[in-house]
Amino acid sequence: MLTQDHRAPATSHHRDLPLAESEVMQRIGVIDLGSNTTRLIVMEYEPHYCFRLIDEMREAVRLIEGMREDRLLQPMAVERAIDALHMFASLCHATDTSEVIAVATSAVRDAANQHEFLEHVRQRTGLVLRVLSGEEEAYYGYLGVVNSMPLSDGYIIDIGGGSTELTHVQGREFQRGVSLPVGVVRYRDRYIHSDPISKADFNALERGLEEAFADADWLHATETPTLVGVGGTVRNLARIDQKRGKYPLERVHGYQLSLEGLERTINTLRRLSSEERAAVPGMNRDRADVLLPGALILRHIMRRGGFEQVVVGGQALREGLFYEHFLCHQERPLFADVRAFSVLNLARLYNYDVRHAEKVREIALSLFDQLQHLHGFGAWERELLGHAAILHDIGLQVGYYDHHKHSAYLVMNSGLPGFNHRELALLTILVRSHRKGEVSTSEFRAVLDPSDDARALQLSALLRLAEYLERGKLQVVKDLRLEFVGGTIIVHTYLEGDGTAEIWNANQRGRLFRKAFGLNIEIVPG
């Protein structure tokens, strides 16, 4: 019989509607003035319902550069920062971004001339910067991570230009967040006086890190083994590792950077001058002179905590500030289910047919449950199949012809926060295969498990059969029951209305099912 998935999906506070029929989309800009880089993201959103990133800008301003014992922001650094902030404010104004959240972190937090700087910014850009405390900086980074990754227990490291934030997460709750004055620009200026770095400077930098993190003895991989790394430094290290290994996906969010891979990058960078580092595949050129100290900071934390790998997060402080705004109607600004909301968010952005998608999901999961003794899959595969059913037709917003390919492209390139790279590849394959064609895993071989060939084939067969049993998008199939007769599976469909087209199409499209399960299939009414 048709089975229901009793796990509650992420909820919205009004029913699913096409965007044209629902509330007007709004825009908000979030500016983060960091010690090394200042960034802007512009989010378009419908309150409590869906959102997307529509623009972003970054500028390496090196605000902390030249700051000495007197803790004064230097005139040239101030000018670079104000120029960038003025550009960001102008873009927000030109694009009708009516609300802007602007924050400053380590360099401004530590500056003796903070008040003077903030006033200059206000007068020349119109922006009122909120200076975050170290704990607030860690907290917003935590919000960005836990709302974009399935992190329940673990640690977060955010390496910036002037500071590094370490956060402990337990049961998805913010347990502890500390900010230490250890940053890539700060430590480059303090310890590196040679190019390429000399052995003496390298050793001095390592000793400095030992001293700076001496009190971080609460990091224990044995208790909570997940370490998430965020920030431009960690992302850049991940890109270099991906390029070296010819990784098939462009996405760094969710990438697992091993300690061994990090060691290889460090050994390469320490032999090169800044100019030579800029040519390393994957290197962001404006980080060429500061990436080595960042890599050593990350390595120190991984060694200290006993972490063999770090999971790279693509969302942090800026997104955390947005989530606090987007989820302001809730007691806590956390999605109840990151993965379920991520899927619904993408589906809503592309005006999915709610009733059709839910019916395909219902049928696919009923087939999955009644065939469980044949495929042997569990809750993880069932969840992926259900998500693929929700997303299978989003490519119709691009065009009908080849819409299965359009859907697959949108799934892969949306990123789908909450899913790792293997899961993202499987979802892409399922969505691409829902309509016609062979099921191929070759494109994603490097991120898939050998067992995923059979997994993708059988789940695709179920999704395709469900799609054709909902061919007319009229929800005529109200129930179904599988009967096993010799080498044939008979699918008894219980209909409300005329299901002639659905039954005919499903019987015509049975080849993939026969290939996947090695059994004949016959769909009959009643």
Protein backbone atom coordinates (compact mmCIF):
# COMPACT_ATOMS: atom_id res chain seq x y z
CA MET A 1 0.00 0.00 0.00
CA LEU A 2 1.11 3.58 -0.39
CA THR A 3 3.30 4.46 2.55
CA GLN A 4 3.85 7.85 4.07
CA ASP A 5 7.21 9.21 5.20
CA HIS A 6 6.42 10.25 8.75
CA ARG A 7 9.56 12.32 9.20
CA ALA A 8 8.34 15.89 9.17
CA PRO A 9 9.69 18.02 6.32
CA ALA A 10 11.05 21.47 6.96
CA THR A 11 8.04 23.67 7.49
CA SER A 12 7.10 27.07 6.20
CA HIS A 13 4.44 29.19 7.77
CA HIS A 14 2.27 29.30 4.70
CA ARG A 15 1.47 26.87 1.94
CA ASP A 16 3.68 26.32 -1.10
CA LEU A 17 2.76 28.71 -3.89
CA PRO A 18 4.49 29.83 -7.06
CA LEU A 19 6.51 32.94 -6.28
CA ALA A 20 4.28 35.04 -8.50
CA GLU A 21 1.32 34.18 -6.26
CA SER A 22 3.11 34.51 -2.94
CA GLU A 23 4.80 37.33 -1.09
CA VAL A 24 7.05 39.76 -2.94
CA MET A 25 10.71 38.85 -2.93
CA GLN A 26 12.91 41.16 -0.86
CA ARG A 27 16.63 41.90 -0.94
CA ILE A 28 19.15 42.27 1.82
CA GLY A 29 22.87 42.91 1.68
CA VAL A 30 25.32 41.61 4.28
CA ILE A 31 28.78 43.21 4.51
CA ASP A 32 31.60 41.70 6.51
CA LEU A 33 34.63 43.99 6.94
CA GLY A 34 37.36 41.54 7.87
CA SER A 35 40.99 42.09 8.70
CA ASN A 36 42.15 40.78 5.32
CA THR A 37 39.12 40.79 3.03
CA THR A 38 35.82 42.60 2.99
CA ARG A 39 32.88 40.86 1.39
CA LEU A 40 29.32 41.59 0.35
CA ILE A 41 26.56 39.09 -0.32
CA VAL A 42 23.14 40.11 -1.63
CA MET A 43 20.33 37.69 -0.83
CA GLU A 44 16.91 37.71 -2.46
CA TYR A 45 14.31 36.10 -0.24
CA GLU A 46 10.68 35.62 0.58
CA PRO A 47 10.32 35.75 4.37
CA HIS A 48 10.24 32.31 6.01
CA TYR A 49 9.87 30.60 2.61
CA CYS A 50 12.83 30.62 0.22
CA PHE A 51 16.00 32.54 -0.65
CA ARG A 52 18.93 32.66 -3.02
CA LEU A 53 22.24 34.41 -3.40
CA ILE A 54 22.02 36.86 -6.30
CA ASP A 55 25.31 38.74 -6.03
CA GLU A 56 28.55 38.85 -4.14
CA MET A 57 31.70 40.95 -4.16
CA ARG A 58 35.01 40.72 -2.35
CA GLU A 59 37.99 42.98 -2.02
CA ALA A 60 41.30 42.28 -0.29
CA VAL A 61 41.73 45.46 1.78
CA ARG A 62 44.30 44.20 4.33
CA LEU A 63 42.80 46.43 7.01
CA ILE A 64 45.06 45.02 9.71
CA GLU A 65 48.20 45.55 7.65
CA GLY A 66 50.75 47.72 9.42
CA MET A 67 48.96 47.64 12.78
CA ARG A 68 51.63 47.66 15.48
CA GLU A 69 51.80 47.77 19.25
CA ASP A 70 49.87 51.08 19.27
CA ARG A 71 46.90 49.19 17.65
CA LEU A 72 46.23 51.99 15.15
CA LEU A 73 44.61 51.30 11.80
CA GLN A 74 46.97 52.72 9.19
CA PRO A 75 45.82 55.48 6.75
CA MET A 76 46.37 53.47 3.56
CA ALA A 77 44.53 50.46 4.96
CA VAL A 78 41.67 52.70 6.09
CA GLU A 79 41.39 54.19 2.60
CA ARG A 80 41.31 50.76 0.99
CA ALA A 81 38.54 49.69 3.37
CA ILE A 82 36.44 52.81 2.86
CA ASP A 83 36.79 52.58 -0.93
CA ALA A 84 35.56 48.99 -0.87
CA LEU A 85 32.69 49.78 1.50
CA HIS A 86 31.65 52.73 -0.65
CA MET A 87 31.58 50.44 -3.71
CA PHE A 88 29.46 47.88 -1.83
CA ALA A 89 27.03 50.53 -0.58
CA SER A 90 26.68 51.93 -4.09
CA LEU A 91 25.92 48.50 -5.52
CA CYS A 92 23.25 47.89 -2.88
CA HIS A 93 21.64 51.26 -3.65
CA ALA A 94 21.73 50.69 -7.42
CA THR A 95 20.11 47.25 -7.12
CA ASP A 96 17.31 48.36 -4.76
CA THR A 97 18.74 46.41 -1.85
CA SER A 98 16.77 48.27 0.76
CA GLU A 99 18.30 46.72 3.87
CA VAL A 100 22.00 46.30 4.62
CA ILE A 101 23.62 44.60 7.60
CA ALA A 102 27.25 45.68 7.95
CA VAL A 103 29.67 44.31 10.54
CA ALA A 104 33.36 44.61 11.33
CA THR A 105 35.53 42.03 13.04
CA SER A 106 39.03 41.60 14.43
CA ALA A 107 40.98 44.58 13.06
CA VAL A 108 38.32 47.14 14.00
CA ARG A 109 37.57 45.35 17.26
CA ASP A 110 41.20 45.70 18.32
CA ALA A 111 41.83 49.19 16.93
CA ALA A 112 42.65 52.03 19.29
CA ASN A 113 41.23 54.45 16.69
CA GLN A 114 38.04 52.42 16.26
CA HIS A 115 35.64 55.30 16.95
CA GLU A 116 37.36 57.58 14.46
CA PHE A 117 37.33 54.89 11.80
CA LEU A 118 33.64 54.08 12.28
CA GLU A 119 32.76 57.75 11.95
CA HIS A 120 34.76 58.05 8.73
CA VAL A 121 32.91 55.05 7.34
CA ARG A 122 29.52 56.49 8.29
CA GLN A 123 30.26 59.89 6.76
CA ARG A 124 31.75 58.63 3.52
CA THR A 125 29.63 55.56 2.81
CA GLY A 126 26.45 55.95 4.86
CA LEU A 127 27.09 52.56 6.46
CA VAL A 128 26.83 52.10 10.20
CA LEU A 129 29.19 49.27 11.08
CA ARG A 130 28.42 47.00 14.00
CA VAL A 131 31.62 45.81 15.63
CA LEU A 132 31.28 42.18 16.64
CA SER A 133 32.85 40.79 19.76
CA GLY A 134 34.98 37.68 19.35
CA GLU A 135 32.23 35.47 20.73
CA GLU A 136 29.63 37.07 18.42
CA GLU A 137 31.90 36.47 15.45
CA ALA A 138 32.18 32.80 16.42
CA TYR A 139 28.41 32.57 16.97
CA TYR A 140 27.45 33.93 13.55
CA GLY A 141 29.97 31.63 11.93
CA TYR A 142 28.29 28.77 13.79
CA LEU A 143 24.87 29.82 12.45
CA GLY A 144 26.23 29.81 8.91
CA VAL A 145 27.69 26.33 9.34
CA VAL A 146 24.85 24.51 11.14
CA ASN A 147 22.27 25.91 8.71
CA SER A 148 24.22 24.68 5.69
CA MET A 149 25.78 21.39 6.89
CA PRO A 150 24.50 18.40 8.85
CA LEU A 151 26.76 19.17 11.81
CA SER A 152 25.44 17.98 15.15
CA ASP A 153 28.59 17.52 17.20
CA GLY A 154 32.01 18.88 16.37
CA TYR A 155 34.21 21.93 16.07
CA ILE A 156 34.43 24.88 13.70
CA ILE A 157 37.59 26.78 12.83
CA ASP A 158 37.36 30.12 11.02
CA ILE A 159 40.76 31.49 9.99
CA GLY A 160 40.73 35.20 9.20
CA GLY A 161 43.23 37.94 8.58
CA GLY A 162 43.50 39.07 12.18
CA SER A 163 41.91 36.33 14.26
CA THR A 164 40.90 32.70 14.36
CA GLU A 165 37.60 31.59 15.87
CA LEU A 166 37.23 28.16 17.44
CA THR A 167 33.72 26.93 18.19
CA HIS A 168 32.44 23.80 19.91
CA VAL A 169 29.05 22.50 18.73
CA GLN A 170 27.10 19.83 20.61
CA GLY A 171 23.63 18.67 19.70
CA ARG A 172 23.59 21.50 17.12
CA GLU A 173 23.90 23.95 20.02
CA PHE A 174 26.58 26.61 20.36
CA GLN A 175 28.60 25.42 23.35
CA ARG A 176 31.67 27.61 23.30
CA GLY A 177 33.22 30.13 20.93
CA VAL A 178 36.56 31.83 21.37
CA SER A 179 38.40 34.31 19.19
CA LEU A 180 42.17 34.36 19.31
CA PRO A 181 44.40 37.07 17.79
CA VAL A 182 45.89 34.60 15.33
CA GLY A 183 45.34 35.58 11.70
CA VAL A 184 47.04 35.13 8.36
CA VAL A 185 48.01 38.79 7.89
CA ARG A 186 48.82 39.35 11.56
CA TYR A 187 51.12 36.31 11.69
CA ARG A 188 52.69 36.97 8.31
CA ASP A 189 53.69 40.45 9.51
CA ARG A 190 54.90 39.14 12.86
CA TYR A 191 56.89 36.08 11.81
CA ILE A 192 57.68 36.03 8.09
CA HIS A 193 60.59 38.21 7.02
CA SER A 194 61.89 36.12 4.12
CA ASP A 195 60.63 35.04 0.71
CA PRO A 196 60.64 32.07 0.25
CA ILE A 197 60.20 31.56 3.95
CA SER A 198 63.42 30.66 5.75
CA LYS A 199 63.70 27.72 8.10
CA ALA A 200 64.17 30.14 11.01
CA ASP A 201 60.97 32.07 10.17
CA PHE A 202 59.05 28.83 9.63
CA ASN A 203 60.12 27.48 13.01
CA ALA A 204 59.36 30.80 14.73
CA LEU A 205 55.85 30.77 13.24
CA GLU A 206 55.25 27.23 14.50
CA ARG A 207 56.46 28.18 17.98
CA GLY A 208 54.16 31.21 17.92
CA LEU A 209 51.20 28.96 17.13
CA GLU A 210 52.10 26.60 19.97
CA GLU A 211 52.01 29.51 22.37
CA ALA A 212 48.84 31.09 20.95
CA PHE A 213 46.79 27.89 21.13
CA ALA A 214 48.22 26.61 24.41
CA ASP A 215 44.82 26.90 26.12
CA ALA A 216 42.88 25.14 23.34
CA ASP A 217 43.12 21.78 25.07
CA TRP A 218 39.35 21.32 24.83
CA LEU A 219 39.65 20.25 21.18
CA HIS A 220 39.27 16.45 21.09
CA ALA A 221 38.63 14.54 17.88
CA THR A 222 38.04 11.37 19.90
CA GLU A 223 34.90 12.85 21.47
CA THR A 224 33.47 14.75 18.49
CA PRO A 225 35.52 13.84 15.42
CA THR A 226 34.12 16.39 12.96
CA LEU A 227 36.11 19.54 12.28
CA VAL A 228 34.57 22.08 9.90
CA GLY A 229 36.79 24.76 8.42
CA VAL A 230 35.41 28.02 7.04
CA GLY A 231 36.82 31.22 5.62
CA GLY A 232 38.77 32.12 2.49
CA THR A 233 41.98 30.48 3.71
CA VAL A 234 40.39 27.05 4.18
CA ARG A 235 38.49 27.28 0.89
CA ASN A 236 41.65 28.20 -1.00
CA LEU A 237 43.55 25.30 0.54
CA ALA A 238 40.72 23.00 -0.55
CA ARG A 239 40.84 24.30 -4.14
CA ILE A 240 44.57 23.67 -4.35
CA ASP A 241 44.06 20.13 -3.08
CA GLN A 242 41.23 19.56 -5.58
CA LYS A 243 43.33 20.82 -8.50
CA ARG A 244 46.22 18.59 -7.53
CA GLY A 245 43.98 15.52 -7.45
CA LYS A 246 41.94 16.49 -10.55
CA TYR A 247 38.76 16.42 -8.47
CA PRO A 248 35.65 16.19 -10.72
CA LEU A 249 33.48 18.74 -8.88
CA GLU A 250 34.08 22.50 -8.71
CA ARG A 251 32.35 22.72 -5.35
CA VAL A 252 34.45 23.20 -2.19
CA HIS A 253 31.53 23.27 0.27
CA GLY A 254 31.50 19.82 1.83
CA TYR A 255 34.94 18.86 0.48
CA GLN A 256 37.01 16.73 2.84
CA LEU A 257 40.58 18.00 3.05
CA SER A 258 42.85 15.43 4.66
CA LEU A 259 45.73 16.27 6.96
CA GLU A 260 47.96 14.41 4.51
CA GLY A 261 46.76 16.63 1.65
CA LEU A 262 47.31 19.74 3.74
CA GLU A 263 50.86 18.60 4.53
CA ARG A 264 51.58 18.25 0.81
CA THR A 265 50.36 21.78 0.18
CA ILE A 266 52.47 23.17 3.02
CA ASN A 267 55.58 21.40 1.72
CA THR A 268 54.96 22.93 -1.70
CA LEU A 269 54.25 26.47 -0.51
CA ARG A 270 57.20 26.74 1.85
CA ARG A 271 59.66 26.17 -1.01
CA LEU A 272 58.18 28.90 -3.22
CA SER A 273 58.32 32.69 -3.26
CA SER A 274 55.07 34.66 -3.10
CA GLU A 275 55.25 35.24 -6.84
CA GLU A 276 55.75 31.54 -7.50
CA ARG A 277 52.92 30.61 -5.12
CA ALA A 278 50.55 32.78 -7.13
CA ALA A 279 51.00 30.37 -10.05
CA VAL A 280 50.07 27.27 -8.05
CA PRO A 281 46.89 25.73 -9.57
CA GLY A 282 43.89 26.73 -7.47
CA MET A 283 45.68 29.60 -5.73
CA ASN A 284 43.78 32.84 -5.24
CA ARG A 285 46.48 35.32 -6.25
CA ASP A 286 45.72 37.86 -3.53
CA ARG A 287 46.29 35.15 -0.92
CA ALA A 288 49.65 34.02 -2.25
CA ASP A 289 51.61 35.86 0.48
CA VAL A 290 49.37 34.83 3.40
CA LEU A 291 48.19 31.31 2.61
CA LEU A 292 51.19 29.56 4.14
CA PRO A 293 50.61 30.97 7.66
CA GLY A 294 46.93 30.07 7.22
CA ALA A 295 47.84 26.52 6.28
CA LEU A 296 50.06 26.25 9.35
CA ILE A 297 47.27 27.53 11.60
CA LEU A 298 44.92 24.86 10.22
CA ARG A 299 47.56 22.15 10.52
CA HIS A 300 48.29 23.10 14.11
CA ILE A 301 44.62 22.79 15.09
CA MET A 302 44.24 19.48 13.26
CA ARG A 303 47.31 18.04 14.96
CA ARG A 304 46.37 19.41 18.37
CA GLY A 305 42.86 17.97 18.20
CA GLY A 306 43.82 14.74 16.45
CA PHE A 307 41.74 15.46 13.33
CA GLU A 308 42.65 13.48 10.21
CA GLN A 309 40.50 15.67 7.98
CA VAL A 310 38.62 18.95 7.90
CA VAL A 311 35.26 19.35 6.17
CA VAL A 312 35.21 22.60 4.22
CA GLY A 313 32.24 24.89 4.79
CA GLY A 314 31.19 27.44 2.18
CA GLN A 315 28.97 29.43 4.53
CA ALA A 316 29.95 31.24 7.71
CA LEU A 317 29.56 34.67 9.29
CA ARG A 318 27.79 36.53 6.48
CA GLU A 319 25.30 33.74 5.92
CA GLY A 320 24.85 33.40 9.68
CA LEU A 321 23.79 37.05 9.87
CA PHE A 322 21.35 36.42 7.02
CA TYR A 323 19.89 33.32 8.68
CA GLU A 324 19.27 35.26 11.88
CA HIS A 325 17.25 37.72 9.78
CA PHE A 326 15.49 35.11 7.62
CA LEU A 327 14.50 32.94 10.60
CA CYS A 328 13.63 35.78 12.97
CA HIS A 329 10.11 34.35 13.44
CA GLN A 330 11.58 31.33 15.22
CA GLU A 331 12.82 31.03 18.77
CA ARG A 332 16.19 29.84 17.43
CA PRO A 333 17.50 30.72 13.97
CA LEU A 334 18.07 27.11 12.95
CA PHE A 335 16.45 25.02 10.24
CA ALA A 336 14.83 21.98 11.83
CA ASP A 337 16.15 19.82 8.99
CA VAL A 338 18.90 21.39 6.87
CA ARG A 339 18.61 18.84 4.05
CA ALA A 340 14.82 18.92 3.78
CA PHE A 341 14.74 22.71 3.73
CA SER A 342 17.56 22.86 1.20
CA VAL A 343 15.55 20.67 -1.17
CA LEU A 344 12.33 22.63 -0.64
CA ASN A 345 14.17 25.92 -1.05
CA LEU A 346 15.53 24.90 -4.45
CA ALA A 347 12.17 23.48 -5.55
CA ARG A 348 10.36 26.66 -4.51
CA LEU A 349 12.82 28.90 -6.33
CA TYR A 350 11.94 27.08 -9.55
CA ASN A 351 8.18 27.09 -8.96
CA TYR A 352 7.86 23.33 -8.71
CA ASP A 353 4.49 21.64 -9.14
CA VAL A 354 3.85 20.77 -5.50
CA ARG A 355 1.05 18.24 -6.01
CA HIS A 356 2.83 16.44 -8.83
CA ALA A 357 6.16 16.27 -7.00
CA GLU A 358 4.56 15.03 -3.80
CA LYS A 359 2.64 12.33 -5.67
CA VAL A 360 5.77 11.14 -7.48
CA ARG A 361 7.52 11.03 -4.11
CA GLU A 362 4.63 9.11 -2.56
CA ILE A 363 4.59 6.50 -5.32
CA ALA A 364 8.39 6.16 -5.43
CA LEU A 365 8.60 5.61 -1.68
CA SER A 366 5.78 3.06 -1.77
CA LEU A 367 7.66 1.13 -4.46
CA PHE A 368 10.84 1.42 -2.41
CA ASP A 369 9.16 0.06 0.71
CA GLN A 370 7.43 -2.85 -1.04
CA LEU A 371 10.64 -3.85 -2.86
CA GLN A 372 12.90 -3.50 0.16
CA HIS A 373 13.61 -7.22 0.32
CA LEU A 374 14.99 -7.04 -3.24
CA HIS A 375 17.18 -3.93 -3.05
CA GLY A 376 18.16 -4.11 0.63
CA PHE A 377 18.54 -0.35 0.97
CA GLY A 378 17.80 1.61 4.13
CA ALA A 379 16.74 5.01 5.41
CA TRP A 380 19.58 6.90 3.68
CA GLU A 381 18.63 5.73 0.19
CA ARG A 382 14.95 6.26 0.94
CA GLU A 383 15.65 9.84 1.91
CA LEU A 384 17.65 10.51 -1.26
CA LEU A 385 14.91 9.01 -3.42
CA GLY A 386 12.31 11.24 -1.77
CA HIS A 387 14.42 14.36 -2.30
CA ALA A 388 15.06 13.46 -5.94
CA ALA A 389 11.31 13.12 -6.47
CA ILE A 390 10.72 16.64 -5.17
CA LEU A 391 13.41 18.08 -7.48
CA HIS A 392 12.98 15.97 -10.60
CA ASP A 393 11.03 18.51 -12.67
CA ILE A 394 12.60 21.84 -11.66
CA GLY A 395 14.30 21.99 -15.06
CA LEU A 396 10.93 22.74 -16.66
CA GLN A 397 11.59 26.37 -15.76
CA VAL A 398 14.38 26.26 -18.35
CA GLY A 399 12.40 24.37 -20.99
CA TYR A 400 10.45 21.17 -21.57
CA TYR A 401 12.86 19.52 -23.96
CA ASP A 402 15.69 17.84 -22.04
CA HIS A 403 14.24 19.17 -18.80
CA HIS A 404 15.68 16.14 -16.98
CA LYS A 405 19.14 17.43 -17.94
CA HIS A 406 18.23 20.96 -16.90
CA SER A 407 17.02 19.64 -13.55
CA ALA A 408 20.30 17.77 -13.04
CA TYR A 409 22.30 20.89 -13.86
CA LEU A 410 20.33 22.96 -11.36
CA VAL A 411 20.73 20.35 -8.62
CA MET A 412 24.48 20.03 -9.12
CA ASN A 413 25.15 23.74 -9.42
CA SER A 414 22.84 24.89 -6.64
CA GLY A 415 25.16 23.19 -4.15
CA LEU A 416 22.25 21.91 -2.04
CA PRO A 417 23.57 22.75 1.44
CA GLY A 418 23.39 19.80 3.80
CA PHE A 419 24.47 17.15 1.31
CA ASN A 420 27.98 15.82 0.89
CA HIS A 421 29.54 15.42 -2.54
CA ARG A 422 28.64 11.76 -2.91
CA GLU A 423 24.99 12.49 -2.07
CA LEU A 424 24.92 15.47 -4.43
CA ALA A 425 26.25 13.28 -7.24
CA LEU A 426 23.62 10.60 -6.55
CA LEU A 427 20.80 13.16 -6.50
CA THR A 428 22.03 14.60 -9.78
CA ILE A 429 22.07 11.14 -11.38
CA LEU A 430 18.57 10.29 -10.11
CA VAL A 431 17.08 13.56 -11.32
CA ARG A 432 18.79 13.26 -14.71
CA SER A 433 17.52 9.69 -15.13
CA HIS A 434 13.91 10.21 -14.11
CA ARG A 435 12.58 10.51 -17.67
CA LYS A 436 14.64 8.56 -20.18
CA GLY A 437 18.11 7.41 -21.11
CA GLU A 438 20.68 5.16 -19.49
CA VAL A 439 21.82 5.60 -15.90
CA SER A 440 25.49 6.60 -15.91
CA THR A 441 27.74 7.18 -12.91
CA SER A 442 30.99 7.66 -14.87
CA GLU A 443 31.02 11.45 -14.55
CA PHE A 444 31.18 11.23 -10.76
CA ARG A 445 33.30 8.12 -10.36
CA ALA A 446 35.86 9.87 -8.13
CA VAL A 447 33.27 10.80 -5.48
CA LEU A 448 31.09 7.69 -5.58
CA ASP A 449 31.42 4.33 -3.89
CA PRO A 450 31.67 1.23 -6.14
CA SER A 451 28.32 0.09 -4.74
CA ASP A 452 26.67 3.25 -6.09
CA ASP A 453 26.37 1.82 -9.61
CA ALA A 454 23.64 -0.57 -8.44
CA ARG A 455 22.25 2.00 -6.03
CA ALA A 456 21.83 4.65 -8.72
CA LEU A 457 20.35 2.17 -11.20
CA GLN A 458 17.71 0.77 -8.86
CA LEU A 459 16.68 4.09 -7.33
CA SER A 460 16.46 5.64 -10.81
CA ALA A 461 14.22 2.79 -11.93
CA LEU A 462 11.84 3.47 -9.03
CA LEU A 463 11.77 7.21 -9.69
CA ARG A 464 11.15 6.73 -13.40
CA LEU A 465 8.30 4.29 -12.79
CA ALA A 466 6.75 6.71 -10.27
CA GLU A 467 7.04 9.56 -12.78
CA TYR A 468 5.12 7.64 -15.44
CA LEU A 469 2.46 6.54 -12.98
CA GLU A 470 1.89 10.27 -12.49
CA ARG A 471 2.20 11.05 -16.20
CA GLY A 472 -0.87 13.24 -16.45
CA LYS A 473 -0.04 15.17 -13.26
CA LEU A 474 -3.59 14.54 -12.07
CA GLN A 475 -2.84 12.27 -9.08
CA VAL A 476 -5.11 9.52 -10.40
CA VAL A 477 -3.06 6.77 -8.72
CA LYS A 478 -4.32 6.72 -5.15
CA ASP A 479 -2.79 3.46 -4.02
CA LEU A 480 -0.74 0.58 -5.31
CA ARG A 481 0.10 -2.97 -4.27
CA LEU A 482 2.86 -5.20 -5.58
CA GLU A 483 2.28 -8.88 -6.24
CA PHE A 484 5.16 -11.25 -7.00
CA VAL A 485 4.21 -13.96 -9.50
CA GLY A 486 7.14 -16.10 -10.64
CA GLY A 487 9.60 -13.82 -12.41
CA THR A 488 7.11 -10.97 -12.74
CA ILE A 489 6.09 -8.14 -10.45
CA ILE A 490 2.49 -7.13 -10.97
CA VAL A 491 1.74 -3.58 -9.85
CA HIS A 492 -1.93 -3.23 -8.96
CA THR A 493 -2.91 0.43 -9.21
CA TYR A 494 -6.02 1.79 -7.48
CA LEU A 495 -7.27 4.77 -9.40
CA GLU A 496 -9.54 7.76 -9.01
CA GLY A 497 -10.30 8.84 -12.55
CA ASP A 498 -8.98 7.68 -15.90
CA GLY A 499 -5.51 6.17 -15.51
CA THR A 500 -5.21 4.82 -19.05
CA ALA A 501 -2.31 7.09 -20.02
CA GLU A 502 -0.45 6.44 -16.78
CA ILE A 503 -0.69 2.65 -17.01
CA TRP A 504 0.20 2.61 -20.71
CA ASN A 505 3.23 4.89 -20.22
CA ALA A 506 4.47 2.97 -17.19
CA ASN A 507 4.25 -0.34 -19.05
CA GLN A 508 6.07 1.15 -22.05
CA ARG A 509 8.85 2.46 -19.80
CA GLY A 510 9.53 -0.74 -17.89
CA ARG A 511 12.90 -1.57 -19.49
CA LEU A 512 14.98 0.24 -16.87
CA PHE A 513 13.11 -1.51 -14.06
CA ARG A 514 13.75 -4.91 -15.65
CA LYS A 515 17.44 -4.09 -16.03
CA ALA A 516 17.72 -2.87 -12.43
CA PHE A 517 15.89 -5.72 -10.69
CA GLY A 518 16.14 -8.60 -13.17
CA LEU A 519 12.38 -9.13 -13.12
CA ASN A 520 9.54 -8.41 -15.50
CA ILE A 521 7.00 -5.82 -14.47
CA GLU A 522 3.36 -5.41 -15.41
CA ILE A 523 1.17 -2.51 -14.33
CA VAL A 524 -2.56 -3.23 -14.17
CA PRO A 525 -5.59 -1.36 -12.83
CA GLY A 526 -6.98 -2.45 -9.46
